[in-house]
C-alpha atoms as a PDB file:
ATOM      1  CA  MET A   1     -18.475   3.776  -9.182  1.00  0.00           C
ATOM      2  CA  ARG A   2     -17.991   6.744  -6.882  1.00  0.00           C
ATOM      3  CA  ALA A   3     -18.184  10.104  -8.636  1.00  0.00           C
ATOM      4  CA  LEU A   4     -14.897  11.991  -8.834  1.00  0.00           C
ATOM      5  CA  GLN A   5     -14.587  15.544  -7.598  1.00  0.00           C
ATOM      6  CA  PRO A   6     -13.747  18.090 -10.297  1.00  0.00           C
ATOM      7  CA  ALA A   7     -10.015  18.489 -10.779  1.00  0.00           C
ATOM      8  CA  THR A   8      -7.994  21.252 -12.362  1.00  0.00           C
ATOM      9  CA  THR A   9      -6.507  20.208 -15.691  1.00  0.00           C
ATOM     10  CA  LEU A  10      -2.749  20.558 -15.758  1.00  0.00           C
ATOM     11  CA  GLY A  11      -1.961  23.434 -18.104  1.00  0.00           C
ATOM     12  CA  PRO A  12       1.251  24.960 -19.459  1.00  0.00           C
ATOM     13  CA  ASP A  13       2.332  26.396 -16.081  1.00  0.00           C
ATOM     14  CA  GLY A  14       1.786  23.067 -14.369  1.00  0.00           C
ATOM     15  CA  HIS A  15       3.710  21.218 -17.069  1.00  0.00           C
ATOM     16  CA  ARG A  16       6.607  23.669 -16.755  1.00  0.00           C
ATOM     17  CA  ALA A  17       6.718  22.952 -13.022  1.00  0.00           C
ATOM     18  CA  VAL A  18       6.729  19.198 -13.601  1.00  0.00           C
ATOM     19  CA  ILE A  19       9.511  19.486 -16.205  1.00  0.00           C
ATOM     20  CA  ARG A  20      11.657  21.589 -13.878  1.00  0.00           C
ATOM     21  CA  LYS A  21      11.312  19.012 -11.111  1.00  0.00           C
ATOM     22  CA  LEU A  22      12.147  16.074 -13.400  1.00  0.00           C
ATOM     23  CA  LEU A  23      15.120  17.801 -15.026  1.00  0.00           C
ATOM     24  CA  SER A  24      16.449  19.003 -11.692  1.00  0.00           C
ATOM     25  CA  ALA A  25      16.359  15.446 -10.372  1.00  0.00           C
ATOM     26  CA  HIS A  26      18.522  14.381 -13.310  1.00  0.00           C
ATOM     27  CA  ASN A  27      20.832  17.446 -13.174  1.00  0.00           C
ATOM     28  CA  VAL A  28      19.817  18.489 -16.684  1.00  0.00           C
ATOM     29  CA  ARG A  29      20.409  22.173 -17.357  1.00  0.00           C
ATOM     30  CA  ARG A  30      19.230  23.036 -20.874  1.00  0.00           C
ATOM     31  CA  PRO A  31      16.550  25.399 -22.222  1.00  0.00           C
ATOM     32  CA  LEU A  32      13.201  23.813 -23.080  1.00  0.00           C
ATOM     33  CA  SER A  33      13.644  24.536 -26.785  1.00  0.00           C
ATOM     34  CA  PHE A  34      16.863  22.493 -26.910  1.00  0.00           C
ATOM     35  CA  LEU A  35      15.368  19.631 -24.925  1.00  0.00           C
ATOM     36  CA  GLN A  36      12.263  19.511 -27.090  1.00  0.00           C
ATOM     37  CA  ARG A  37      14.452  19.108 -30.192  1.00  0.00           C
ATOM     38  CA  SER A  38      16.890  16.602 -28.708  1.00  0.00           C
ATOM     39  CA  TRP A  39      14.827  14.407 -26.376  1.00  0.00           C
ATOM     40  CA  PRO A  40      12.749  11.997 -28.514  1.00  0.00           C
ATOM     41  CA  CYS A  41      10.613  10.462 -25.758  1.00  0.00           C
ATOM     42  CA  PRO A  42       6.991  10.881 -26.965  1.00  0.00           C
ATOM     43  CA  GLN A  43       5.698  11.432 -23.436  1.00  0.00           C
ATOM     44  CA  LEU A  44       8.092  14.324 -22.837  1.00  0.00           C
ATOM     45  CA  GLN A  45       7.449  15.750 -26.298  1.00  0.00           C
ATOM     46  CA  ARG A  46       3.790  16.168 -25.382  1.00  0.00           C
ATOM     47  CA  ILE A  47       4.693  17.786 -22.065  1.00  0.00           C
ATOM     48  CA  PHE A  48       7.171  20.144 -23.763  1.00  0.00           C
ATOM     49  CA  ALA A  49       4.464  21.156 -26.218  1.00  0.00           C
ATOM     50  CA  SER A  50       2.092  21.978 -23.376  1.00  0.00           C
ATOM     51  CA  ALA A  51       4.778  23.801 -21.420  1.00  0.00           C
ATOM     52  CA  ALA A  52       5.429  25.948 -24.476  1.00  0.00           C
ATOM     53  CA  GLY A  53       1.744  26.802 -24.620  1.00  0.00           C
ATOM     54  CA  GLY A  54       0.922  24.432 -27.464  1.00  0.00           C
ATOM     55  CA  SER A  55      -1.697  21.716 -27.534  1.00  0.00           C
ATOM     56  CA  SER A  56      -1.019  18.359 -25.954  1.00  0.00           C
ATOM     57  CA  SER A  57      -1.973  15.087 -27.603  1.00  0.00           C
ATOM     58  CA  SER A  58      -3.513  14.223 -24.230  1.00  0.00           C
ATOM     59  CA  SER A  59      -6.491  16.177 -25.510  1.00  0.00           C
ATOM     60  CA  ARG A  60      -6.980  13.502 -28.174  1.00  0.00           C
ATOM     61  CA  ALA A  61      -7.190  10.690 -25.645  1.00  0.00           C
ATOM     62  CA  SER A  62     -10.697   9.716 -24.640  1.00  0.00           C
ATOM     63  CA  ALA A  63     -12.860   6.810 -23.630  1.00  0.00           C
ATOM     64  CA  ALA A  64     -13.319   6.059 -27.337  1.00  0.00           C
ATOM     65  CA  ASN A  65      -9.675   5.013 -27.718  1.00  0.00           C
ATOM     66  CA  GLY A  66      -9.204   3.571 -24.239  1.00  0.00           C
ATOM     67  CA  TRP A  67      -7.548   6.803 -23.039  1.00  0.00           C
ATOM     68  CA  LEU A  68      -4.383   5.659 -24.809  1.00  0.00           C
ATOM     69  CA  LEU A  69      -2.206   8.544 -25.864  1.00  0.00           C
ATOM     70  CA  GLU A  70      -1.395   8.686 -29.559  1.00  0.00           C
ATOM     71  CA  SER A  71       2.109   7.372 -30.286  1.00  0.00           C
ATOM     72  CA  SER A  72       2.334   6.855 -26.554  1.00  0.00           C
ATOM     73  CA  ALA A  73       4.469   3.749 -26.398  1.00  0.00           C
ATOM     74  CA  LEU A  74       8.052   4.272 -25.324  1.00  0.00           C
ATOM     75  CA  HIS A  75      10.705   2.145 -27.012  1.00  0.00           C
ATOM     76  CA  SER A  76      10.990  -1.413 -25.786  1.00  0.00           C
ATOM     77  CA  ILE A  77      14.121  -3.175 -24.590  1.00  0.00           C
ATOM     78  CA  SER A  78      14.078  -5.353 -27.693  1.00  0.00           C
ATOM     79  CA  SER A  79      16.443  -4.752 -30.582  1.00  0.00           C
ATOM     80  CA  ASN A  80      13.905  -5.570 -33.273  1.00  0.00           C
ATOM     81  CA  GLY A  81      14.058  -2.149 -34.857  1.00  0.00           C
ATOM     82  CA  SER A  82      10.716  -1.025 -33.483  1.00  0.00           C
ATOM     83  CA  ASN A  83      10.205   2.681 -33.081  1.00  0.00           C
ATOM     84  CA  GLY A  84       7.327   2.228 -30.682  1.00  0.00           C
ATOM     85  CA  SER A  85       4.010   0.431 -30.518  1.00  0.00           C
ATOM     86  CA  ARG A  86       0.912   1.222 -32.485  1.00  0.00           C
ATOM     87  CA  LEU A  87      -2.526  -0.264 -32.443  1.00  0.00           C
ATOM     88  CA  GLY A  88      -2.087  -3.287 -34.670  1.00  0.00           C
ATOM     89  CA  SER A  89       0.800  -4.730 -32.679  1.00  0.00           C
ATOM     90  CA  CYS A  90       0.427  -8.347 -31.620  1.00  0.00           C
ATOM     91  CA  TYR A  91       1.157  -9.336 -28.037  1.00  0.00           C
ATOM     92  CA  ASP A  92       1.381 -12.544 -26.058  1.00  0.00           C
ATOM     93  CA  ALA A  93       0.054 -10.638 -23.063  1.00  0.00           C
ATOM     94  CA  ILE A  94      -1.060  -7.220 -21.883  1.00  0.00           C
ATOM     95  CA  MET A  95       0.059  -6.336 -18.355  1.00  0.00           C
ATOM     96  CA  MET A  96      -1.597  -3.595 -16.319  1.00  0.00           C
ATOM     97  CA  LEU A  97       0.054  -2.155 -13.241  1.00  0.00           C
ATOM     98  CA  GLY A  98      -2.178  -1.697 -10.227  1.00  0.00           C
ATOM     99  CA  GLY A  99      -3.136   1.781  -9.125  1.00  0.00           C
ATOM    100  CA  GLY A 100      -5.165   1.319  -5.968  1.00  0.00           C
ATOM    101  CA  LEU A 101      -8.809   1.059  -4.961  1.00  0.00           C
ATOM    102  CA  LEU A 102     -11.319   3.372  -3.342  1.00  0.00           C
ATOM    103  CA  PRO A 103     -12.288   2.543   0.273  1.00  0.00           C
ATOM    104  CA  ASP A 104     -15.539   0.949  -0.920  1.00  0.00           C
ATOM    105  CA  GLY A 105     -13.733  -1.278  -3.440  1.00  0.00           C
ATOM    106  CA  GLY A 106     -14.480   0.939  -6.422  1.00  0.00           C
ATOM    107  CA  MET A 107     -11.797   2.140  -8.774  1.00  0.00           C
ATOM    108  CA  PRO A 108     -10.301   5.624  -9.088  1.00  0.00           C
ATOM    109  CA  GLU A 109     -10.473   7.248 -12.493  1.00  0.00           C
ATOM    110  CA  TRP A 110      -6.803   6.631 -13.347  1.00  0.00           C
ATOM    111  CA  VAL A 111      -7.298   2.893 -12.771  1.00  0.00           C
ATOM    112  CA  VAL A 112     -10.446   2.845 -14.917  1.00  0.00           C
ATOM    113  CA  ARG A 113      -8.445   4.462 -17.697  1.00  0.00           C
ATOM    114  CA  ARG A 114      -5.706   1.836 -17.425  1.00  0.00           C
ATOM    115  CA  LEU A 115      -8.324  -0.916 -17.605  1.00  0.00           C
ATOM    116  CA  GLU A 116      -9.980   0.696 -20.607  1.00  0.00           C
ATOM    117  CA  GLY A 117      -6.576   1.015 -22.277  1.00  0.00           C
ATOM    118  CA  CYS A 118      -6.006  -2.726 -21.803  1.00  0.00           C
ATOM    119  CA  LEU A 119      -9.462  -3.432 -23.165  1.00  0.00           C
ATOM    120  CA  HIS A 120      -8.780  -1.308 -26.233  1.00  0.00           C
ATOM    121  CA  LEU A 121      -5.517  -3.157 -26.991  1.00  0.00           C
ATOM    122  CA  TYR A 122      -7.209  -6.504 -26.357  1.00  0.00           C
ATOM    123  CA  HIS A 123     -10.039  -5.845 -28.810  1.00  0.00           C
ATOM    124  CA  ALA A 124      -7.688  -4.331 -31.395  1.00  0.00           C
ATOM    125  CA  GLN A 125      -5.639  -7.531 -31.427  1.00  0.00           C
ATOM    126  CA  ALA A 126      -8.664  -9.834 -31.403  1.00  0.00           C
ATOM    127  CA  GLU A 127      -9.889  -8.161 -34.584  1.00  0.00           C
ATOM    128  CA  GLN A 128      -6.655  -8.835 -36.475  1.00  0.00           C
ATOM    129  CA  GLU A 129      -6.174 -11.847 -38.704  1.00  0.00           C
ATOM    130  CA  ALA A 130      -2.412 -11.263 -38.804  1.00  0.00           C
ATOM    131  CA  CYS A 131      -1.923 -12.012 -35.119  1.00  0.00           C
ATOM    132  CA  SER A 132      -3.025 -15.627 -35.525  1.00  0.00           C
ATOM    133  CA  SER A 133      -1.067 -16.243 -38.727  1.00  0.00           C
ATOM    134  CA  SER A 134       1.717 -18.788 -38.777  1.00  0.00           C
ATOM    135  CA  ASN A 135       4.423 -16.333 -39.824  1.00  0.00           C
ATOM    136  CA  GLY A 136       4.478 -14.559 -36.486  1.00  0.00           C
ATOM    137  CA  SER A 137       3.757 -11.175 -37.967  1.00  0.00           C
ATOM    138  CA  SER A 138       3.604  -8.453 -35.375  1.00  0.00           C
ATOM    139  CA  GLY A 139       1.639  -6.056 -37.523  1.00  0.00           C
ATOM    140  CA  GLY A 140       2.428  -2.448 -36.727  1.00  0.00           C
ATOM    141  CA  SER A 141       4.985  -3.131 -34.043  1.00  0.00           C
ATOM    142  CA  GLY A 142       7.834  -2.855 -36.508  1.00  0.00           C
ATOM    143  CA  GLY A 143       9.148  -6.397 -36.679  1.00  0.00           C
ATOM    144  CA  SER A 144       8.730  -9.937 -35.430  1.00  0.00           C
ATOM    145  CA  SER A 145      12.178 -10.974 -34.317  1.00  0.00           C
ATOM    146  CA  THR A 146      14.891 -10.147 -31.825  1.00  0.00           C
ATOM    147  CA  ARG A 147      18.578 -11.001 -31.835  1.00  0.00           C
ATOM    148  CA  ALA A 148      17.495 -14.436 -30.604  1.00  0.00           C
ATOM    149  CA  GLY A 149      15.561 -15.090 -33.815  1.00  0.00           C
ATOM    150  CA  PRO A 150      11.977 -15.039 -35.073  1.00  0.00           C
ATOM    151  CA  LEU A 151       9.175 -14.712 -32.589  1.00  0.00           C
ATOM    152  CA  PRO A 152       6.367 -17.284 -32.727  1.00  0.00           C
ATOM    153  CA  ALA A 153       2.898 -16.204 -33.768  1.00  0.00           C
ATOM    154  CA  ALA A 154       0.987 -14.234 -31.143  1.00  0.00           C
ATOM    155  CA  PRO A 155      -2.383 -15.506 -29.911  1.00  0.00           C
ATOM    156  CA  ARG A 156      -5.550 -14.115 -31.453  1.00  0.00           C
ATOM    157  CA  ARG A 157      -6.662 -12.921 -28.014  1.00  0.00           C
ATOM    158  CA  PRO A 158      -3.833 -11.934 -25.642  1.00  0.00           C
ATOM    159  CA  SER A 159      -4.005 -12.639 -21.933  1.00  0.00           C
ATOM    160  CA  ILE A 160      -4.592  -9.564 -19.787  1.00  0.00           C
ATOM    161  CA  VAL A 161      -2.506  -9.796 -16.621  1.00  0.00           C
ATOM    162  CA  LEU A 162      -3.702  -7.666 -13.730  1.00  0.00           C
ATOM    163  CA  LEU A 163      -0.887  -6.814 -11.355  1.00  0.00           C
ATOM    164  CA  GLY A 164      -1.089  -6.003  -7.681  1.00  0.00           C
ATOM    165  CA  ALA A 165      -2.293  -7.021  -4.258  1.00  0.00           C
ATOM    166  CA  GLY A 166      -2.434  -3.577  -2.711  1.00  0.00           C
ATOM    167  CA  THR A 167      -0.287  -0.699  -1.537  1.00  0.00           C
ATOM    168  CA  PRO A 168       1.718  -0.039   1.634  1.00  0.00           C
ATOM    169  CA  HIS A 169       0.342   3.499   1.634  1.00  0.00           C
ATOM    170  CA  LYS A 170      -3.259   2.660   2.543  1.00  0.00           C
ATOM    171  CA  PRO A 171      -5.066  -0.080   4.484  1.00  0.00           C
ATOM    172  CA  PRO A 172      -6.505  -2.928   2.405  1.00  0.00           C
ATOM    173  CA  VAL A 173     -10.115  -2.950   1.283  1.00  0.00           C
ATOM    174  CA  ILE A 174     -12.214  -5.600   3.031  1.00  0.00           C
ATOM    175  CA  ASP A 175     -15.046  -7.145   1.039  1.00  0.00           C
ATOM    176  CA  ALA A 176     -18.560  -8.012   2.254  1.00  0.00           C
ATOM    177  CA  GLY A 177     -17.396 -11.455   3.340  1.00  0.00           C
ATOM    178  CA  GLY A 178     -14.628 -10.056   5.534  1.00  0.00           C
ATOM    179  CA  TYR A 179     -11.779 -10.948   3.181  1.00  0.00           C
ATOM    180  CA  VAL A 180      -9.095  -8.716   1.710  1.00  0.00           C
ATOM    181  CA  LEU A 181     -10.055  -7.497  -1.745  1.00  0.00           C
ATOM    182  CA  HIS A 182      -6.899  -7.533  -3.836  1.00  0.00           C
ATOM    183  CA  GLU A 183      -6.558  -4.879  -6.495  1.00  0.00           C
ATOM    184  CA  SER A 184      -6.124  -7.505  -9.205  1.00  0.00           C
ATOM    185  CA  THR A 185      -9.361  -9.227  -8.167  1.00  0.00           C
ATOM    186  CA  ALA A 186     -11.352  -6.004  -8.385  1.00  0.00           C
ATOM    187  CA  TYR A 187      -9.795  -5.237 -11.765  1.00  0.00           C
ATOM    188  CA  ALA A 188     -10.693  -8.700 -13.061  1.00  0.00           C
ATOM    189  CA  ASP A 189     -14.297  -8.161 -11.982  1.00  0.00           C
ATOM    190  CA  TYR A 190     -14.371  -4.905 -13.917  1.00  0.00           C
ATOM    191  CA  LEU A 191     -13.063  -6.455 -17.138  1.00  0.00           C
ATOM    192  CA  MET A 192     -15.384  -9.440 -16.909  1.00  0.00           C
ATOM    193  CA  GLY A 193     -18.197  -6.946 -16.548  1.00  0.00           C
ATOM    194  CA  ARG A 194     -16.952  -5.369 -19.777  1.00  0.00           C
ATOM    195  CA  GLY A 195     -17.171  -8.706 -21.583  1.00  0.00           C
ATOM    196  CA  VAL A 196     -13.656 -10.166 -21.306  1.00  0.00           C
ATOM    197  CA  PRO A 197     -13.847 -13.951 -20.685  1.00  0.00           C
ATOM    198  CA  ALA A 198     -12.352 -15.119 -17.395  1.00  0.00           C
ATOM    199  CA  ALA A 199     -10.119 -17.473 -19.405  1.00  0.00           C
ATOM    200  CA  ASP A 200      -8.350 -14.450 -20.907  1.00  0.00           C
ATOM    201  CA  LEU A 201      -7.627 -12.844 -17.517  1.00  0.00           C
ATOM    202  CA  LEU A 202      -4.776 -13.618 -15.151  1.00  0.00           C
ATOM    203  CA  LYS A 203      -3.964 -12.161 -11.749  1.00  0.00           C
ATOM    204  CA  GLU A 204      -0.810 -11.455  -9.787  1.00  0.00           C
ATOM    205  CA  ALA A 205      -1.613 -10.803  -6.135  1.00  0.00           C
ATOM    206  CA  GLN A 206       1.762 -10.721  -4.363  1.00  0.00           C
ATOM    207  CA  SER A 207       3.057  -7.278  -5.319  1.00  0.00           C
ATOM    208  CA  TYR A 208       2.626  -4.049  -3.396  1.00  0.00           C
ATOM    209  CA  ASP A 209       4.664  -1.703  -5.556  1.00  0.00           C
ATOM    210  CA  THR A 210       6.124  -1.190  -9.037  1.00  0.00           C
ATOM    211  CA  VAL A 211       9.201  -3.324  -8.349  1.00  0.00           C
ATOM    212  CA  GLY A 212       6.999  -6.182  -7.200  1.00  0.00           C
ATOM    213  CA  ASN A 213       4.804  -5.728 -10.281  1.00  0.00           C
ATOM    214  CA  GLY A 214       7.830  -6.318 -12.480  1.00  0.00           C
ATOM    215  CA  TYR A 215       9.369  -9.122 -10.437  1.00  0.00           C
ATOM    216  CA  PHE A 216       6.262 -11.226  -9.851  1.00  0.00           C
ATOM    217  CA  SER A 217       4.854 -10.681 -13.354  1.00  0.00           C
ATOM    218  CA  LEU A 218       8.067 -12.137 -14.745  1.00  0.00           C
ATOM    219  CA  LEU A 219       8.317 -15.145 -12.432  1.00  0.00           C
ATOM    220  CA  GLN A 220       4.647 -16.036 -12.114  1.00  0.00           C
ATOM    221  CA  HIS A 221       3.527 -15.465 -15.680  1.00  0.00           C
ATOM    222  CA  ALA A 222       5.981 -14.394 -18.395  1.00  0.00           C
ATOM    223  CA  LEU A 223       8.599 -17.102 -17.841  1.00  0.00           C
ATOM    224  CA  PRO A 224       6.275 -20.092 -17.227  1.00  0.00           C
ATOM    225  CA  ALA A 225       4.006 -19.076 -20.116  1.00  0.00           C
ATOM    226  CA  GLY A 226       6.899 -18.490 -22.506  1.00  0.00           C
ATOM    227  CA  TRP A 227       5.753 -14.975 -23.393  1.00  0.00           C
ATOM    228  CA  ARG A 228       8.074 -12.604 -25.176  1.00  0.00           C
ATOM    229  CA  ARG A 229       5.940  -9.797 -26.664  1.00  0.00           C
ATOM    230  CA  ILE A 230       4.302  -7.932 -23.820  1.00  0.00           C
ATOM    231  CA  ALA A 231       2.362  -4.669 -23.677  1.00  0.00           C
ATOM    232  CA  VAL A 232       2.784  -2.825 -20.376  1.00  0.00           C
ATOM    233  CA  VAL A 233      -0.008  -0.392 -19.503  1.00  0.00           C
ATOM    234  CA  THR A 234       0.015   2.287 -16.818  1.00  0.00           C
ATOM    235  CA  SER A 235      -0.753   5.968 -16.310  1.00  0.00           C
ATOM    236  CA  GLU A 236       1.249   8.746 -17.894  1.00  0.00           C
ATOM    237  CA  PHE A 237       2.385   9.946 -14.444  1.00  0.00           C
ATOM    238  CA  HIS A 238       3.715   6.464 -13.615  1.00  0.00           C
ATOM    239  CA  MET A 239       5.374   5.558 -16.907  1.00  0.00           C
ATOM    240  CA  LEU A 240       8.966   6.699 -16.376  1.00  0.00           C
ATOM    241  CA  ARG A 241       9.366   4.538 -13.269  1.00  0.00           C
ATOM    242  CA  THR A 242       7.521   1.622 -14.854  1.00  0.00           C
ATOM    243  CA  HIS A 243       9.753   1.775 -17.910  1.00  0.00           C
ATOM    244  CA  ALA A 244      12.948   1.836 -15.845  1.00  0.00           C
ATOM    245  CA  THR A 245      11.779  -0.988 -13.578  1.00  0.00           C
ATOM    246  CA  PHE A 246      10.440  -3.412 -16.179  1.00  0.00           C
ATOM    247  CA  ASP A 247      13.317  -2.810 -18.590  1.00  0.00           C
ATOM    248  CA  PHE A 248      15.830  -3.695 -15.899  1.00  0.00           C
ATOM    249  CA  ILE A 249      14.042  -6.764 -14.501  1.00  0.00           C
ATOM    250  CA  TYR A 250      13.097  -8.293 -17.856  1.00  0.00           C
ATOM    251  CA  GLY A 251      16.472  -7.369 -19.357  1.00  0.00           C
ATOM    252  CA  LEU A 252      18.233  -9.063 -16.436  1.00  0.00           C
ATOM    253  CA  ALA A 253      16.204 -12.242 -16.969  1.00  0.00           C
ATOM    254  CA  GLY A 254      16.753 -12.242 -20.717  1.00  0.00           C
ATOM    255  CA  ARG A 255      20.494 -11.824 -20.366  1.00  0.00           C
ATOM    256  CA  GLN A 256      20.880 -14.486 -17.658  1.00  0.00           C
ATOM    257  CA  LEU A 257      18.484 -17.123 -19.000  1.00  0.00           C
ATOM    258  CA  TYR A 258      18.739 -16.642 -22.766  1.00  0.00           C
ATOM    259  CA  GLY A 259      21.967 -14.743 -23.310  1.00  0.00           C
ATOM    260  CA  ASP A 260      20.005 -11.814 -24.734  1.00  0.00           C
ATOM    261  CA  ALA A 261      18.977  -8.748 -22.742  1.00  0.00           C
ATOM    262  CA  ALA A 262      16.430  -8.027 -25.485  1.00  0.00           C
ATOM    263  CA  TRP A 263      14.770 -11.465 -25.309  1.00  0.00           C
ATOM    264  CA  PHE A 264      11.577  -9.867 -24.060  1.00  0.00           C
ATOM    265  CA  ASP A 265       9.966  -7.377 -26.411  1.00  0.00           C
ATOM    266  CA  LEU A 266       8.290  -4.916 -24.069  1.00  0.00           C
ATOM    267  CA  HIS A 267       6.056  -2.164 -25.413  1.00  0.00           C
ATOM    268  CA  TYR A 268       4.903   0.541 -23.015  1.00  0.00           C
ATOM    269  CA  TRP A 269       1.465   2.114 -23.320  1.00  0.00           C
ATOM    270  CA  GLN A 270       0.425   5.070 -21.180  1.00  0.00           C
ATOM    271  CA  VAL A 271      -3.056   6.391 -20.589  1.00  0.00           C
ATOM    272  CA  SER A 272      -3.864  10.065 -20.240  1.00  0.00           C
ATOM    273  CA  ASP A 273      -3.777  11.888 -16.906  1.00  0.00           C
ATOM    274  CA  GLU A 274      -5.754  14.788 -18.330  1.00  0.00           C
ATOM    275  CA  GLY A 275      -8.293  16.252 -15.932  1.00  0.00           C
ATOM    276  CA  ILE A 276      -7.689  13.754 -13.118  1.00  0.00           C
ATOM    277  CA  PHE A 277      -5.426  15.623 -10.679  1.00  0.00           C
ATOM    278  CA  PRO A 278      -4.877  19.258  -9.731  1.00  0.00           C
ATOM    279  CA  ALA A 279      -1.540  20.616 -10.939  1.00  0.00           C
ATOM    280  CA  ASP A 280       0.046  20.635  -7.468  1.00  0.00           C
ATOM    281  CA  VAL A 281      -0.903  17.002  -6.874  1.00  0.00           C
ATOM    282  CA  LEU A 282       0.573  15.877 -10.186  1.00  0.00           C
ATOM    283  CA  ALA A 283       3.730  17.898  -9.493  1.00  0.00           C
ATOM    284  CA  ALA A 284       4.104  16.189  -6.098  1.00  0.00           C
ATOM    285  CA  ARG A 285       3.755  12.802  -7.753  1.00  0.00           C
ATOM    286  CA  ALA A 286       6.333  13.814 -10.380  1.00  0.00           C
ATOM    287  CA  ASP A 287       8.772  14.552  -7.536  1.00  0.00           C
ATOM    288  CA  LYS A 288       8.186  11.128  -6.057  1.00  0.00           C
ATOM    289  CA  GLU A 289       8.503   9.350  -9.397  1.00  0.00           C
ATOM    290  CA  ALA A 290      11.775  11.088 -10.256  1.00  0.00           C
ATOM    291  CA  ALA A 291      13.231  10.251  -6.837  1.00  0.00           C
ATOM    292  CA  ALA A 292      12.082   6.641  -7.132  1.00  0.00           C
ATOM    293  CA  VAL A 293      13.796   6.220 -10.497  1.00  0.00           C
ATOM    294  CA  GLU A 294      17.079   7.502  -9.088  1.00  0.00           C
ATOM    295  CA  THR A 295      16.789   5.233  -6.038  1.00  0.00           C
ATOM    296  CA  TRP A 296      16.064   2.252  -8.293  1.00  0.00           C
ATOM    297  CA  LYS A 297      19.152   2.977 -10.380  1.00  0.00           C
ATOM    298  CA  ARG A 298      21.333   3.121  -7.270  1.00  0.00           C
ATOM    299  CA  ASN A 299      19.877  -0.060  -5.804  1.00  0.00           C
ATOM    300  CA  THR A 300      20.317  -2.082  -8.984  1.00  0.00           C
ATOM    301  CA  ALA A 301      23.669  -0.705 -10.128  1.00  0.00           C
ATOM    302  CA  GLY A 302      25.628  -3.770  -9.022  1.00  0.00           C
ATOM    303  CA  MET A 303      23.078  -6.454  -9.839  1.00  0.00           C
ATOM    304  CA  ALA A 304      24.071  -9.059 -12.424  1.00  0.00           C
ATOM    305  CA  SER A 305      21.596 -11.886 -11.847  1.00  0.00           C
ATOM    306  CA  LEU A 306      18.085 -12.717 -10.719  1.00  0.00           C
ATOM    307  CA  ALA A 307      19.653 -14.041  -7.514  1.00  0.00           C
ATOM    308  CA  ASP A 308      21.042 -10.567  -6.824  1.00  0.00           C
ATOM    309  CA  LEU A 309      17.620  -9.045  -7.351  1.00  0.00           C
ATOM    310  CA  HIS A 310      15.933 -11.690  -5.203  1.00  0.00           C
ATOM    311  CA  GLY A 311      18.432 -11.192  -2.383  1.00  0.00           C
ATOM    312  CA  TRP A 312      17.976  -7.438  -2.358  1.00  0.00           C
ATOM    313  CA  LEU A 313      14.196  -7.556  -2.673  1.00  0.00           C
ATOM    314  CA  PHE A 314      13.539  -9.944   0.201  1.00  0.00           C
ATOM    315  CA  ALA A 315      16.312  -8.717   2.481  1.00  0.00           C
ATOM    316  CA  THR A 316      15.809  -4.967   2.279  1.00  0.00           C
ATOM    317  CA  HIS A 317      12.580  -3.914   0.556  1.00  0.00           C
ATOM    318  CA  LEU A 318       9.858  -2.537   2.828  1.00  0.00           C
ATOM    319  CA  CYS A 319       7.094  -4.480   1.083  1.00  0.00           C
ATOM    320  CA  TYR A 320       8.783  -7.912   1.062  1.00  0.00           C
ATOM    321  CA  SER A 321      11.452  -8.132   3.759  1.00  0.00           C
ATOM    322  CA  VAL A 322      10.618  -9.988   6.971  1.00  0.00           C
ATOM    323  CA  SER A 323      13.061  -7.776   8.848  1.00  0.00           C
ATOM    324  CA  ARG A 324      10.970  -4.755   7.890  1.00  0.00           C
ATOM    325  CA  GLN A 325       7.458  -6.166   8.053  1.00  0.00           C
ATOM    326  CA  HIS A 326       6.693  -4.170  11.202  1.00  0.00           C
ATOM    327  CA  GLU A 327       7.207  -1.010   9.137  1.00  0.00           C
ATOM    328  CA  PHE A 328       4.575  -1.916   6.541  1.00  0.00           C
ATOM    329  CA  GLY A 329       2.009   0.857   6.482  1.00  0.00           C
ATOM    330  CA  ARG A 330       3.645   2.543   9.485  1.00  0.00           C
ATOM    331  CA  SER A 331       6.945   3.880   8.247  1.00  0.00           C
ATOM    332  CA  HIS A 332       5.682   7.419   7.694  1.00  0.00           C
ATOM    333  CA  GLU A 333       2.575   9.400   7.007  1.00  0.00           C
ATOM    334  CA  LEU A 334       2.118   9.932   3.296  1.00  0.00           C
ATOM    335  CA  ASP A 335       1.783  13.497   2.072  1.00  0.00           C
ATOM    336  CA  PRO A 336      -1.927  14.130   1.435  1.00  0.00           C
ATOM    337  CA  LYS A 337      -1.162  15.237  -2.109  1.00  0.00           C
ATOM    338  CA  LEU A 338       0.603  11.943  -2.829  1.00  0.00           C
ATOM    339  CA  ALA A 339      -2.072   9.952  -1.007  1.00  0.00           C
ATOM    340  CA  ALA A 340      -4.581  11.293  -3.518  1.00  0.00           C
ATOM    341  CA  THR A 341      -2.727   9.419  -6.298  1.00  0.00           C
ATOM    342  CA  TYR A 342      -2.913   5.949  -4.674  1.00  0.00           C
END
């Protein structure tokens, strides 16, 4: 793996800058003290603590715990009473969103951390007797049923689904044989090298962005496999957009196909960004993420079915529309600060 250049850890000043950008994008005008008391999102609580000069729980994330942030899981779309995931939850599958490759096919540090987070969840579940019991216990996840009724027992070893073909922001990596190396293929190689059997790994190699990650993961894997309890793993800097995207897509499918928007019990796990990016790079990515969430909300505001989503995705989206395929990779030059995060 290529050695990373030293990066400046994001401190209180950097976190304040990120908060200002996120709150400005959402037209929120409240002092930090009020927001820290009233906004329960664990991710933002950690950032508020850092912005106030306190310690962040990011400092407790390390390779030993798969870089997973303590109490990191945001609430799921299910209505099972869960207050967030903990190690000890039982999943049908663990999904990891792609985060790019280095030019030589290696993996950037933030991707390694996502993979290690998946590995940590995978081993934690494999060690539990409760996950293979007949009563469908979901251990520490706070319940084993949704409005639709009891969930079936989770497998002893969950499938790890690796999402992503590539990115429109950089050219694809070409392997030694002259073929395109998909992100999901490289990630599978990494996890097999870490001891995960190939039978427990699945790939999705059609998506080129977060929307595609959600859409194709649903249609290619979750629906055919009958999964309902799914852990979604990505980086802390990418979680707000991931949460908004997956909640909408899986909620849409649950409502249309099963009459229950909470049919899928999604638990979101984020891995630490600590020490990976300079403060100005992370702030630039925060700008992009906040703008992307708002754009996603506008684009999906009138959607009521999977057909609506399909029509929009393949008619208008840069990554999937035939009418825009000439723009792929050529629409604009990516800001160098943002390029460093892909």
